[in-house]
């Protein structure tokens, strides 16, 4: 598979009746192992983070490792948000 980068995305999160847009740009896609992007929530801040998702194959399933590079002030909120997202994903799978 070829690695490529570029391309933008917008995710709309509906929170208590409000739409919150999350946007970003892909830095690396190496299917099925890695996805890396710039990620931000413009409604809350002009700050951006770099989000890296690595998928490690195991014998019968896989392990997902999510890493964010961001300002320290956003660490707790980001950990809470991604934790909720990953728990929801786990329930769906």
N, C-alpha and C. Protein backbone atom coordinates (compact mmCIF):
# COMPACT_ATOMS: atom_id res chain seq x y z
N UNK A 1 0.83 -1.18 0.00
CA UNK A 1 0.00 0.00 0.00
C UNK A 1 0.88 1.25 0.00
N UNK A 2 0.42 2.24 -0.69
CA UNK A 2 1.14 3.50 -0.70
C UNK A 2 0.74 4.34 0.50
N UNK A 3 1.70 5.05 1.05
CA UNK A 3 1.40 6.03 2.08
C UNK A 3 1.05 7.33 1.38
N UNK A 4 0.11 8.05 1.94
CA UNK A 4 -0.22 9.34 1.36
C UNK A 4 -0.66 10.27 2.47
N UNK A 5 -0.70 11.55 2.16
CA UNK A 5 -1.13 12.54 3.13
C UNK A 5 -1.89 13.62 2.39
N UNK A 6 -2.45 14.51 3.13
CA UNK A 6 -3.27 15.57 2.55
C UNK A 6 -4.73 15.19 2.67
N UNK A 7 -5.56 16.09 2.31
CA UNK A 7 -7.00 15.88 2.45
C UNK A 7 -7.48 16.43 3.78
N UNK A 8 -8.62 17.04 3.75
CA UNK A 8 -9.19 17.65 4.95
C UNK A 8 -10.46 16.94 5.35
N UNK A 9 -10.84 17.11 6.60
CA UNK A 9 -12.09 16.51 7.08
C UNK A 9 -12.76 17.44 8.09
N UNK A 10 -14.07 17.27 8.22
CA UNK A 10 -14.86 17.95 9.24
C UNK A 10 -15.79 16.91 9.86
N UNK A 11 -15.80 16.85 11.17
CA UNK A 11 -16.69 15.96 11.91
C UNK A 11 -17.61 16.84 12.74
N UNK A 12 -18.91 16.64 12.62
CA UNK A 12 -19.87 17.41 13.41
C UNK A 12 -20.34 16.56 14.58
N UNK A 13 -20.10 17.05 15.77
CA UNK A 13 -20.48 16.36 17.00
C UNK A 13 -21.70 17.08 17.58
N UNK A 14 -22.79 16.35 17.76
CA UNK A 14 -24.00 16.95 18.33
C UNK A 14 -23.95 16.80 19.84
N UNK A 15 -23.84 17.92 20.54
CA UNK A 15 -23.73 17.93 22.00
C UNK A 15 -24.87 18.73 22.60
N UNK A 16 -25.78 18.05 23.25
CA UNK A 16 -26.88 18.73 23.94
C UNK A 16 -27.59 19.73 23.04
N UNK A 17 -27.86 19.33 21.81
CA UNK A 17 -28.57 20.19 20.87
C UNK A 17 -27.71 21.16 20.10
N UNK A 18 -26.43 21.23 20.40
CA UNK A 18 -25.51 22.11 19.66
C UNK A 18 -24.62 21.28 18.75
N UNK A 19 -24.31 21.82 17.58
CA UNK A 19 -23.37 21.18 16.67
C UNK A 19 -21.99 21.78 16.89
N UNK A 20 -21.01 20.92 17.15
CA UNK A 20 -19.63 21.36 17.34
C UNK A 20 -18.78 20.72 16.26
N UNK A 21 -18.14 21.55 15.45
CA UNK A 21 -17.31 21.03 14.36
C UNK A 21 -15.88 20.79 14.82
N UNK A 22 -15.38 19.62 14.46
CA UNK A 22 -13.98 19.25 14.65
C UNK A 22 -13.40 19.16 13.24
N UNK A 23 -12.25 19.75 13.02
CA UNK A 23 -11.71 19.73 11.66
C UNK A 23 -10.23 19.39 11.69
N UNK A 24 -9.74 18.99 10.53
CA UNK A 24 -8.34 18.66 10.46
C UNK A 24 -7.87 18.33 9.07
N UNK A 25 -6.63 17.92 9.02
CA UNK A 25 -6.00 17.54 7.75
C UNK A 25 -5.13 16.32 8.00
N UNK A 26 -5.22 15.37 7.10
CA UNK A 26 -4.43 14.14 7.24
C UNK A 26 -2.96 14.41 6.96
N UNK A 27 -2.11 13.92 7.84
CA UNK A 27 -0.67 14.01 7.66
C UNK A 27 -0.09 12.71 7.12
N UNK A 28 -0.67 11.59 7.56
CA UNK A 28 -0.18 10.28 7.12
C UNK A 28 -1.31 9.26 7.19
N UNK A 29 -1.43 8.47 6.16
CA UNK A 29 -2.32 7.32 6.16
C UNK A 29 -1.50 6.14 5.64
N UNK A 30 -1.31 5.18 6.51
CA UNK A 30 -0.56 3.97 6.16
C UNK A 30 -1.45 2.78 6.53
N UNK A 31 -2.40 2.49 5.65
CA UNK A 31 -3.39 1.44 5.92
C UNK A 31 -2.74 0.07 6.00
N UNK A 32 -3.11 -0.73 6.92
CA UNK A 32 -4.08 -0.53 8.01
C UNK A 32 -3.41 -0.22 9.33
N UNK A 33 -2.24 0.38 9.31
CA UNK A 33 -1.43 0.52 10.52
C UNK A 33 -1.47 1.87 11.20
N UNK A 34 -1.57 2.95 10.44
CA UNK A 34 -1.41 4.27 11.05
C UNK A 34 -2.27 5.31 10.36
N UNK A 35 -2.80 6.20 11.19
CA UNK A 35 -3.55 7.36 10.72
C UNK A 35 -3.09 8.53 11.58
N UNK A 36 -2.61 9.58 10.92
CA UNK A 36 -2.13 10.75 11.66
C UNK A 36 -2.74 12.00 11.03
N UNK A 37 -3.18 12.91 11.89
CA UNK A 37 -3.79 14.13 11.37
C UNK A 37 -3.58 15.30 12.32
N UNK A 38 -3.71 16.48 11.74
CA UNK A 38 -3.86 17.71 12.52
C UNK A 38 -5.33 17.74 12.91
N UNK A 39 -5.62 18.15 14.15
CA UNK A 39 -6.99 18.08 14.65
C UNK A 39 -7.27 19.31 15.50
N UNK A 40 -8.43 19.92 15.30
CA UNK A 40 -8.79 21.08 16.10
C UNK A 40 -10.29 21.22 16.24
N UNK A 41 -10.68 22.04 17.20
CA UNK A 41 -12.09 22.36 17.43
C UNK A 41 -12.19 23.89 17.43
N UNK A 42 -12.37 24.47 16.23
CA UNK A 42 -12.32 25.93 16.08
C UNK A 42 -13.29 26.70 16.97
N UNK A 43 -14.43 26.10 17.34
CA UNK A 43 -15.40 26.80 18.20
C UNK A 43 -14.83 27.07 19.59
N UNK A 44 -13.87 26.27 20.02
CA UNK A 44 -13.31 26.42 21.35
C UNK A 44 -11.93 27.06 21.37
N UNK A 45 -11.15 26.88 20.31
CA UNK A 45 -9.79 27.40 20.32
C UNK A 45 -9.18 27.33 18.92
N UNK A 46 -8.22 28.20 18.67
CA UNK A 46 -7.47 28.12 17.41
C UNK A 46 -6.30 27.14 17.54
N UNK A 47 -6.08 26.62 18.75
CA UNK A 47 -5.02 25.63 18.95
C UNK A 47 -5.34 24.35 18.19
N UNK A 48 -4.30 23.68 17.75
CA UNK A 48 -4.48 22.39 17.08
C UNK A 48 -3.63 21.34 17.80
N UNK A 49 -3.95 20.10 17.55
CA UNK A 49 -3.15 19.00 18.07
C UNK A 49 -2.81 18.07 16.92
N UNK A 50 -1.84 17.24 17.15
CA UNK A 50 -1.53 16.18 16.19
C UNK A 50 -1.99 14.88 16.83
N UNK A 51 -2.86 14.18 16.13
CA UNK A 51 -3.42 12.92 16.62
C UNK A 51 -2.86 11.78 15.78
N UNK A 52 -2.30 10.80 16.46
CA UNK A 52 -1.75 9.63 15.79
C UNK A 52 -2.46 8.39 16.31
N UNK A 53 -2.99 7.59 15.40
CA UNK A 53 -3.61 6.32 15.75
C UNK A 53 -2.78 5.22 15.11
N UNK A 54 -2.21 4.38 15.97
CA UNK A 54 -1.46 3.21 15.50
C UNK A 54 -2.28 1.97 15.82
N UNK A 55 -2.37 1.06 14.87
CA UNK A 55 -3.11 -0.19 15.06
C UNK A 55 -2.11 -1.34 14.98
N UNK A 56 -2.01 -2.07 16.09
CA UNK A 56 -1.06 -3.17 16.21
C UNK A 56 -1.82 -4.49 16.08
N UNK A 57 -1.53 -5.30 15.05
CA UNK A 57 -2.22 -6.59 14.93
C UNK A 57 -1.79 -7.55 16.03
N UNK A 58 -2.76 -8.25 16.59
CA UNK A 58 -2.52 -9.29 17.58
C UNK A 58 -3.03 -10.61 17.02
N UNK A 59 -2.93 -11.67 17.77
CA UNK A 59 -3.31 -12.98 17.26
C UNK A 59 -4.77 -13.04 16.79
N UNK A 60 -5.69 -12.59 17.63
CA UNK A 60 -7.11 -12.69 17.29
C UNK A 60 -7.81 -11.34 17.15
N UNK A 61 -7.11 -10.28 17.44
CA UNK A 61 -7.71 -8.95 17.33
C UNK A 61 -6.60 -7.93 17.13
N UNK A 62 -6.79 -6.72 17.59
CA UNK A 62 -5.74 -5.72 17.43
C UNK A 62 -5.75 -4.77 18.63
N UNK A 63 -4.70 -4.00 18.74
CA UNK A 63 -4.58 -2.99 19.79
C UNK A 63 -4.51 -1.63 19.11
N UNK A 64 -5.28 -0.68 19.61
CA UNK A 64 -5.27 0.67 19.08
C UNK A 64 -4.55 1.56 20.08
N UNK A 65 -3.55 2.28 19.60
CA UNK A 65 -2.81 3.22 20.44
C UNK A 65 -3.05 4.62 19.88
N UNK A 66 -3.64 5.48 20.70
CA UNK A 66 -3.93 6.85 20.29
C UNK A 66 -3.02 7.79 21.07
N UNK A 67 -2.31 8.63 20.33
CA UNK A 67 -1.39 9.60 20.92
C UNK A 67 -1.76 10.99 20.43
N UNK A 68 -1.77 11.95 21.34
CA UNK A 68 -2.02 13.33 20.93
C UNK A 68 -0.85 14.20 21.35
N UNK A 69 -0.48 15.12 20.48
CA UNK A 69 0.53 16.13 20.79
C UNK A 69 -0.21 17.46 20.83
N UNK A 70 -0.27 18.07 22.03
CA UNK A 70 -1.06 19.27 22.21
C UNK A 70 -0.54 20.08 23.38
N UNK A 71 -1.09 21.28 23.55
CA UNK A 71 -0.72 22.11 24.68
C UNK A 71 -1.20 21.45 25.97
N UNK A 72 -0.39 21.56 27.00
CA UNK A 72 -0.69 20.93 28.29
C UNK A 72 -2.07 21.33 28.82
N UNK A 73 -2.47 22.56 28.59
CA UNK A 73 -3.75 23.04 29.13
C UNK A 73 -4.96 22.26 28.60
N UNK A 74 -4.81 21.59 27.47
CA UNK A 74 -5.90 20.82 26.89
C UNK A 74 -5.83 19.33 27.24
N UNK A 75 -4.83 18.92 27.99
CA UNK A 75 -4.60 17.49 28.22
C UNK A 75 -5.77 16.78 28.90
N UNK A 76 -6.28 17.31 30.00
CA UNK A 76 -7.35 16.63 30.73
C UNK A 76 -8.62 16.53 29.90
N UNK A 77 -8.99 17.63 29.28
CA UNK A 77 -10.22 17.64 28.47
C UNK A 77 -10.08 16.69 27.27
N UNK A 78 -8.90 16.68 26.66
CA UNK A 78 -8.66 15.81 25.51
C UNK A 78 -8.69 14.34 25.93
N UNK A 79 -8.07 14.02 27.05
CA UNK A 79 -8.08 12.64 27.55
C UNK A 79 -9.51 12.18 27.80
N UNK A 80 -10.31 13.03 28.40
CA UNK A 80 -11.71 12.70 28.67
C UNK A 80 -12.48 12.48 27.37
N UNK A 81 -12.31 13.37 26.40
CA UNK A 81 -13.03 13.27 25.13
C UNK A 81 -12.66 12.04 24.32
N UNK A 82 -11.35 11.78 24.19
CA UNK A 82 -10.93 10.60 23.43
C UNK A 82 -11.29 9.33 24.18
N UNK A 83 -11.25 9.37 25.52
CA UNK A 83 -11.65 8.20 26.30
C UNK A 83 -13.09 7.81 26.02
N UNK A 84 -13.96 8.81 26.00
CA UNK A 84 -15.37 8.56 25.70
C UNK A 84 -15.54 8.02 24.28
N UNK A 85 -14.83 8.61 23.34
CA UNK A 85 -14.91 8.16 21.95
C UNK A 85 -14.45 6.71 21.80
N UNK A 86 -13.35 6.37 22.43
CA UNK A 86 -12.81 5.00 22.31
C UNK A 86 -13.69 3.98 23.04
N UNK A 87 -14.29 4.37 24.16
CA UNK A 87 -15.22 3.45 24.84
C UNK A 87 -16.44 3.18 23.96
N UNK A 88 -16.95 4.21 23.31
CA UNK A 88 -18.09 4.04 22.41
C UNK A 88 -17.71 3.13 21.25
N UNK A 89 -16.53 3.33 20.67
CA UNK A 89 -16.05 2.48 19.58
C UNK A 89 -15.94 1.02 20.04
N UNK A 90 -15.41 0.82 21.24
CA UNK A 90 -15.27 -0.54 21.77
C UNK A 90 -16.64 -1.21 21.92
N UNK A 91 -17.63 -0.47 22.39
CA UNK A 91 -18.98 -1.02 22.53
C UNK A 91 -19.57 -1.40 21.17
N UNK A 92 -19.30 -0.60 20.17
CA UNK A 92 -19.85 -0.85 18.84
C UNK A 92 -19.20 -2.05 18.17
N UNK A 93 -17.93 -2.27 18.45
CA UNK A 93 -17.21 -3.39 17.83
C UNK A 93 -17.44 -4.66 18.60
